[in-house]
C-alpha atoms as a PDB file:
ATOM      1  CA  MET A   1      27.558  12.785 -10.734  1.00  0.00           C
ATOM      2  CA  THR A   2      24.165  13.620  -9.233  1.00  0.00           C
ATOM      3  CA  GLU A   3      22.799  14.363 -12.709  1.00  0.00           C
ATOM      4  CA  GLN A   4      23.788  10.838 -13.832  1.00  0.00           C
ATOM      5  CA  THR A   5      22.223   9.345 -10.727  1.00  0.00           C
ATOM      6  CA  GLY A   6      19.076  11.376 -11.334  1.00  0.00           C
ATOM      7  CA  ARG A   7      18.916  10.275 -14.956  1.00  0.00           C
ATOM      8  CA  ARG A   8      19.543   6.647 -13.993  1.00  0.00           C
ATOM      9  CA  GLU A   9      16.798   6.794 -11.379  1.00  0.00           C
ATOM     10  CA  ARG A  10      14.382   8.352 -13.873  1.00  0.00           C
ATOM     11  CA  LYS A  11      15.159   5.629 -16.416  1.00  0.00           C
ATOM     12  CA  LYS A  12      14.618   2.927 -13.794  1.00  0.00           C
ATOM     13  CA  ALA A  13      11.319   4.508 -12.762  1.00  0.00           C
ATOM     14  CA  ALA A  14      10.210   4.759 -16.396  1.00  0.00           C
ATOM     15  CA  THR A  15      11.073   1.101 -17.020  1.00  0.00           C
ATOM     16  CA  ARG A  16       9.236   0.058 -13.872  1.00  0.00           C
ATOM     17  CA  GLN A  17       6.151   2.022 -14.936  1.00  0.00           C
ATOM     18  CA  LYS A  18       6.315   0.609 -18.474  1.00  0.00           C
ATOM     19  CA  ILE A  19       6.365  -2.935 -17.069  1.00  0.00           C
ATOM     20  CA  ALA A  20       3.497  -2.213 -14.660  1.00  0.00           C
ATOM     21  CA  ASP A  21       1.390  -0.631 -17.399  1.00  0.00           C
ATOM     22  CA  ALA A  22       2.011  -3.555 -19.773  1.00  0.00           C
ATOM     23  CA  ALA A  23       1.114  -6.060 -17.048  1.00  0.00           C
ATOM     24  CA  LEU A  24      -2.097  -4.288 -16.115  1.00  0.00           C
ATOM     25  CA  ARG A  25      -3.137  -3.991 -19.745  1.00  0.00           C
ATOM     26  CA  LEU A  26      -2.526  -7.711 -20.356  1.00  0.00           C
ATOM     27  CA  PHE A  27      -4.204  -8.757 -17.111  1.00  0.00           C
ATOM     28  CA  GLN A  28      -7.297  -6.727 -17.951  1.00  0.00           C
ATOM     29  CA  GLU A  29      -7.452  -7.958 -21.547  1.00  0.00           C
ATOM     30  CA  HIS A  30      -6.785 -11.661 -20.923  1.00  0.00           C
ATOM     31  CA  GLY A  31      -7.305 -12.221 -17.200  1.00  0.00           C
ATOM     32  CA  TYR A  32      -4.674 -12.381 -14.498  1.00  0.00           C
ATOM     33  CA  GLU A  33      -4.369 -16.170 -14.459  1.00  0.00           C
ATOM     34  CA  ALA A  34      -3.956 -16.410 -18.258  1.00  0.00           C
ATOM     35  CA  VAL A  35      -0.954 -14.084 -18.475  1.00  0.00           C
ATOM     36  CA  GLY A  36       2.563 -15.233 -17.688  1.00  0.00           C
ATOM     37  CA  ILE A  37       5.666 -13.308 -16.703  1.00  0.00           C
ATOM     38  CA  ARG A  38       7.189 -13.882 -20.137  1.00  0.00           C
ATOM     39  CA  ASP A  39       4.074 -12.358 -21.718  1.00  0.00           C
ATOM     40  CA  VAL A  40       4.459  -9.237 -19.602  1.00  0.00           C
ATOM     41  CA  ALA A  41       8.182  -8.958 -20.328  1.00  0.00           C
ATOM     42  CA  ALA A  42       7.540  -9.298 -24.068  1.00  0.00           C
ATOM     43  CA  GLU A  43       4.742  -6.708 -23.988  1.00  0.00           C
ATOM     44  CA  ALA A  44       6.985  -4.270 -22.093  1.00  0.00           C
ATOM     45  CA  ASP A  45       9.919  -5.092 -24.376  1.00  0.00           C
ATOM     46  CA  VAL A  46      12.225  -6.003 -21.497  1.00  0.00           C
ATOM     47  CA  ALA A  47      14.052  -9.155 -20.450  1.00  0.00           C
ATOM     48  CA  VAL A  48      12.465 -11.352 -17.811  1.00  0.00           C
ATOM     49  CA  THR A  49      15.457 -10.617 -15.572  1.00  0.00           C
ATOM     50  CA  THR A  50      14.758  -6.891 -15.960  1.00  0.00           C
ATOM     51  CA  LEU A  51      11.149  -7.461 -14.960  1.00  0.00           C
ATOM     52  CA  PHE A  52      12.270  -9.333 -11.846  1.00  0.00           C
ATOM     53  CA  SER A  53      14.742  -6.601 -10.953  1.00  0.00           C
ATOM     54  CA  HIS A  54      11.732  -4.286 -10.609  1.00  0.00           C
ATOM     55  CA  PHE A  55       9.057  -6.698  -9.326  1.00  0.00           C
ATOM     56  CA  ALA A  56       9.617  -9.672  -7.045  1.00  0.00           C
ATOM     57  CA  SER A  57       6.641 -11.654  -8.328  1.00  0.00           C
ATOM     58  CA  LYS A  58       3.738 -11.699 -10.727  1.00  0.00           C
ATOM     59  CA  GLU A  59       1.432 -10.581  -7.910  1.00  0.00           C
ATOM     60  CA  ALA A  60       3.645  -7.553  -7.229  1.00  0.00           C
ATOM     61  CA  LEU A  61       2.886  -6.323 -10.752  1.00  0.00           C
ATOM     62  CA  VAL A  62      -0.736  -5.746  -9.743  1.00  0.00           C
ATOM     63  CA  PHE A  63       0.270  -3.889  -6.581  1.00  0.00           C
ATOM     64  CA  GLU A  64       2.731  -1.565  -8.312  1.00  0.00           C
ATOM     65  CA  GLN A  65       1.926   1.296  -5.916  1.00  0.00           C
ATOM     66  CA  ASP A  66       2.575  -0.824  -2.828  1.00  0.00           C
ATOM     67  CA  ARG A  67       5.792   0.971  -1.870  1.00  0.00           C
ATOM     68  CA  GLY A  68       4.149   4.360  -2.195  1.00  0.00           C
ATOM     69  CA  PHE A  69       1.252   3.320   0.034  1.00  0.00           C
ATOM     70  CA  GLU A  70       3.612   1.956   2.677  1.00  0.00           C
ATOM     71  CA  GLN A  71       5.824   5.045   2.563  1.00  0.00           C
ATOM     72  CA  GLY A  72       2.757   7.269   2.817  1.00  0.00           C
ATOM     73  CA  LEU A  73       1.738   5.559   6.044  1.00  0.00           C
ATOM     74  CA  VAL A  74       5.198   5.951   7.536  1.00  0.00           C
ATOM     75  CA  ARG A  75       5.387   9.609   6.429  1.00  0.00           C
ATOM     76  CA  ALA A  76       1.985  10.281   8.018  1.00  0.00           C
ATOM     77  CA  VAL A  77       3.660   9.491  11.334  1.00  0.00           C
ATOM     78  CA  ALA A  78       7.118  10.922  10.780  1.00  0.00           C
ATOM     79  CA  ASP A  79       6.271  14.084   8.829  1.00  0.00           C
ATOM     80  CA  ARG A  80       3.310  15.368  10.795  1.00  0.00           C
ATOM     81  CA  ALA A  81       3.594  18.685  12.611  1.00  0.00           C
ATOM     82  CA  PRO A  82       5.145  18.427  16.082  1.00  0.00           C
ATOM     83  CA  ASP A  83       1.869  19.409  17.755  1.00  0.00           C
ATOM     84  CA  GLU A  84      -0.367  17.230  15.544  1.00  0.00           C
ATOM     85  CA  PRO A  85      -1.711  14.131  17.301  1.00  0.00           C
ATOM     86  CA  LEU A  86      -0.907  10.770  15.722  1.00  0.00           C
ATOM     87  CA  VAL A  87      -4.386   9.352  15.137  1.00  0.00           C
ATOM     88  CA  PRO A  88      -5.773  12.282  13.083  1.00  0.00           C
ATOM     89  CA  ALA A  89      -2.676  12.165  10.853  1.00  0.00           C
ATOM     90  CA  LEU A  90      -3.231   8.463  10.246  1.00  0.00           C
ATOM     91  CA  ARG A  91      -6.945   9.009   9.632  1.00  0.00           C
ATOM     92  CA  ARG A  92      -6.128  11.574   6.956  1.00  0.00           C
ATOM     93  CA  GLN A  93      -3.732   9.140   5.254  1.00  0.00           C
ATOM     94  CA  ILE A  94      -6.253   6.288   5.333  1.00  0.00           C
ATOM     95  CA  HIS A  95      -8.950   8.572   3.900  1.00  0.00           C
ATOM     96  CA  ALA A  96      -6.586   9.371   0.998  1.00  0.00           C
ATOM     97  CA  LEU A  97      -5.831   5.689   0.388  1.00  0.00           C
ATOM     98  CA  VAL A  98      -9.499   4.744   0.494  1.00  0.00           C
ATOM     99  CA  ARG A  99     -10.421   7.537  -1.925  1.00  0.00           C
ATOM    100  CA  HIS A 100      -7.716   6.339  -4.294  1.00  0.00           C
ATOM    101  CA  CYS A 101      -8.736   2.673  -4.127  1.00  0.00           C
ATOM    102  CA  THR A 102     -12.489   3.251  -4.330  1.00  0.00           C
ATOM    103  CA  ALA A 103     -12.333   5.667  -7.262  1.00  0.00           C
ATOM    104  CA  PRO A 104     -14.263   4.403 -10.297  1.00  0.00           C
ATOM    105  CA  GLU A 105     -11.058   3.974 -12.298  1.00  0.00           C
ATOM    106  CA  ALA A 106      -9.736   1.552  -9.642  1.00  0.00           C
ATOM    107  CA  ALA A 107     -12.699  -0.838 -10.043  1.00  0.00           C
ATOM    108  CA  PRO A 108     -11.163  -3.063 -12.757  1.00  0.00           C
ATOM    109  CA  VAL A 109      -8.065  -3.722 -10.647  1.00  0.00           C
ATOM    110  CA  ARG A 110     -10.144  -4.238  -7.511  1.00  0.00           C
ATOM    111  CA  ASN A 111     -12.341  -6.759  -9.369  1.00  0.00           C
ATOM    112  CA  MET A 112      -9.255  -8.580 -10.633  1.00  0.00           C
ATOM    113  CA  ILE A 113      -7.858  -8.813  -7.103  1.00  0.00           C
ATOM    114  CA  GLU A 114     -11.156 -10.052  -5.690  1.00  0.00           C
ATOM    115  CA  SER A 115     -11.426 -12.762  -8.354  1.00  0.00           C
ATOM    116  CA  SER A 116      -7.923 -14.185  -7.780  1.00  0.00           C
ATOM    117  CA  PRO A 117      -7.030 -16.216  -4.677  1.00  0.00           C
ATOM    118  CA  ALA A 118      -3.318 -15.570  -5.336  1.00  0.00           C
ATOM    119  CA  LEU A 119      -3.862 -11.801  -5.437  1.00  0.00           C
ATOM    120  CA  ARG A 120      -6.060 -11.808  -2.323  1.00  0.00           C
ATOM    121  CA  GLU A 121      -3.388 -13.769  -0.449  1.00  0.00           C
ATOM    122  CA  TYR A 122      -0.666 -11.411  -1.658  1.00  0.00           C
ATOM    123  CA  GLU A 123      -2.741  -8.405  -0.608  1.00  0.00           C
ATOM    124  CA  GLU A 124      -3.179  -9.863   2.877  1.00  0.00           C
ATOM    125  CA  SER A 125       0.583 -10.395   3.271  1.00  0.00           C
ATOM    126  CA  MET A 126       1.141  -6.867   1.976  1.00  0.00           C
ATOM    127  CA  ARG A 127      -1.261  -5.458   4.584  1.00  0.00           C
ATOM    128  CA  LEU A 128       0.576  -7.303   7.361  1.00  0.00           C
ATOM    129  CA  ARG A 129       3.880  -5.881   6.114  1.00  0.00           C
ATOM    130  CA  HIS A 130       2.385  -2.383   6.003  1.00  0.00           C
ATOM    131  CA  ALA A 131       1.132  -2.831   9.566  1.00  0.00           C
ATOM    132  CA  GLU A 132       4.606  -3.827  10.752  1.00  0.00           C
ATOM    133  CA  SER A 133       6.208  -0.827   9.014  1.00  0.00           C
ATOM    134  CA  LEU A 134       3.593   1.465  10.508  1.00  0.00           C
ATOM    135  CA  ALA A 135       4.080  -0.034  13.985  1.00  0.00           C
ATOM    136  CA  GLU A 136       7.828   0.558  13.725  1.00  0.00           C
ATOM    137  CA  ALA A 137       7.247   4.170  12.671  1.00  0.00           C
ATOM    138  CA  VAL A 138       4.833   4.761  15.564  1.00  0.00           C
ATOM    139  CA  ALA A 139       7.220   3.135  18.041  1.00  0.00           C
ATOM    140  CA  ALA A 140      10.153   5.196  16.759  1.00  0.00           C
ATOM    141  CA  ASP A 141       8.057   8.360  17.001  1.00  0.00           C
ATOM    142  CA  LEU A 142       7.187   7.580  20.611  1.00  0.00           C
ATOM    143  CA  GLY A 143      10.615   6.273  21.555  1.00  0.00           C
ATOM    144  CA  VAL A 144       9.306   2.861  22.610  1.00  0.00           C
ATOM    145  CA  PRO A 145      10.456  -0.600  21.479  1.00  0.00           C
ATOM    146  CA  GLY A 146       9.371  -1.553  17.959  1.00  0.00           C
ATOM    147  CA  THR A 147       7.833  -4.713  19.369  1.00  0.00           C
ATOM    148  CA  SER A 148       5.395  -2.709  21.500  1.00  0.00           C
ATOM    149  CA  ILE A 149       2.057  -4.518  21.475  1.00  0.00           C
ATOM    150  CA  ALA A 150       0.205  -1.197  21.666  1.00  0.00           C
ATOM    151  CA  CYS A 151       1.992   0.148  18.572  1.00  0.00           C
ATOM    152  CA  ARG A 152       1.489  -3.081  16.642  1.00  0.00           C
ATOM    153  CA  THR A 153      -2.184  -3.234  17.621  1.00  0.00           C
ATOM    154  CA  ILE A 154      -2.902   0.350  16.597  1.00  0.00           C
ATOM    155  CA  ALA A 155      -1.059  -0.216  13.308  1.00  0.00           C
ATOM    156  CA  ARG A 156      -3.177  -3.288  12.568  1.00  0.00           C
ATOM    157  CA  PHE A 157      -6.360  -1.359  13.395  1.00  0.00           C
ATOM    158  CA  VAL A 158      -5.293   1.413  11.014  1.00  0.00           C
ATOM    159  CA  ILE A 159      -4.543  -1.031   8.201  1.00  0.00           C
ATOM    160  CA  ASP A 160      -7.813  -2.855   8.856  1.00  0.00           C
ATOM    161  CA  ALA A 161      -9.643   0.488   8.705  1.00  0.00           C
ATOM    162  CA  TYR A 162      -8.420   0.804   5.137  1.00  0.00           C
ATOM    163  CA  ALA A 163      -9.506  -2.740   4.222  1.00  0.00           C
ATOM    164  CA  LEU A 164     -12.910  -2.481   5.898  1.00  0.00           C
ATOM    165  CA  ALA A 165     -13.695   0.955   4.498  1.00  0.00           C
ATOM    166  CA  ARG A 166     -12.767  -0.088   0.991  1.00  0.00           C
ATOM    167  CA  GLU A 167     -15.442  -2.796   1.165  1.00  0.00           C
ATOM    168  CA  ALA A 168     -18.107  -0.606   2.807  1.00  0.00           C
ATOM    169  CA  GLU A 169     -21.073   0.943   1.066  1.00  0.00           C
ATOM    170  CA  GLU A 170     -19.962   4.362   2.351  1.00  0.00           C
ATOM    171  CA  PRO A 171     -16.157   4.164   2.547  1.00  0.00           C
ATOM    172  CA  GLU A 172     -15.537   7.642   3.991  1.00  0.00           C
ATOM    173  CA  ALA A 173     -18.054   7.092   6.793  1.00  0.00           C
ATOM    174  CA  ALA A 174     -16.552   3.683   7.481  1.00  0.00           C
ATOM    175  CA  VAL A 175     -13.079   5.208   7.932  1.00  0.00           C
ATOM    176  CA  ASP A 176     -14.496   7.668  10.453  1.00  0.00           C
ATOM    177  CA  GLU A 177     -16.366   4.911  12.299  1.00  0.00           C
ATOM    178  CA  VAL A 178     -13.293   2.698  12.583  1.00  0.00           C
ATOM    179  CA  PHE A 179     -11.123   5.629  13.614  1.00  0.00           C
ATOM    180  CA  ARG A 180     -13.452   6.458  16.508  1.00  0.00           C
ATOM    181  CA  MET A 181     -12.548   2.998  17.811  1.00  0.00           C
ATOM    182  CA  VAL A 182      -8.853   3.520  16.985  1.00  0.00           C
ATOM    183  CA  GLU A 183      -8.883   6.762  18.980  1.00  0.00           C
ATOM    184  CA  ALA A 184     -10.456   4.979  21.954  1.00  0.00           C
ATOM    185  CA  ALA A 185      -7.870   2.189  21.749  1.00  0.00           C
ATOM    186  CA  TRP A 186      -5.060   4.734  21.447  1.00  0.00           C
ATOM    187  CA  ALA A 187      -6.331   6.612  24.493  1.00  0.00           C
ATOM    188  CA  ALA A 188      -6.487   3.319  26.419  1.00  0.00           C
ATOM    189  CA  ALA A 189      -2.885   2.518  25.440  1.00  0.00           C
ATOM    190  CA  ASP A 190      -1.841   5.791  27.139  1.00  0.00           C
ATOM    191  CA  LEU A 191       1.342   6.208  25.065  1.00  0.00           C
ATOM    192  CA  ASP A 192       1.107   9.932  24.262  1.00  0.00           C
END
């Protein structure tokens, strides 16, 4: 039974990747606004309903790695060593995300996002969702209510560190600069 489940999951992942690759290729060749969902489905050789079973919207096709980024943030909190402080673990995760998103091969996607109001709006809503997931993970780790203002504030700062660093001339230095402020805010929250 587990072999079937594993095979099914692999097939689903392969279909999802095939759709994402087809979408990105079409978006880069023709422009995001000029490509429709039906175009992507046809290019990936899947039904439109199959596409929507993997991606909730056209914008989600561009942010195919969204779930992985969000899970990485949550794992940075939950999977760190028992004696490792929270803020350095989050800094390490944000450094990894910034390196990924500022790599030369990411430039075409970044340019596409910057040139599309719909994609910029989607990215902003995605960042807010990531901040809420991160706040819940931090609160759970500390054993405080998930609505804790301190946890939500720190989570927003962390997510903003990613956004600000990605736009900076020296992204790695920008992460460190923002995290000096995050550490000060975390110390002021006195939750450790």
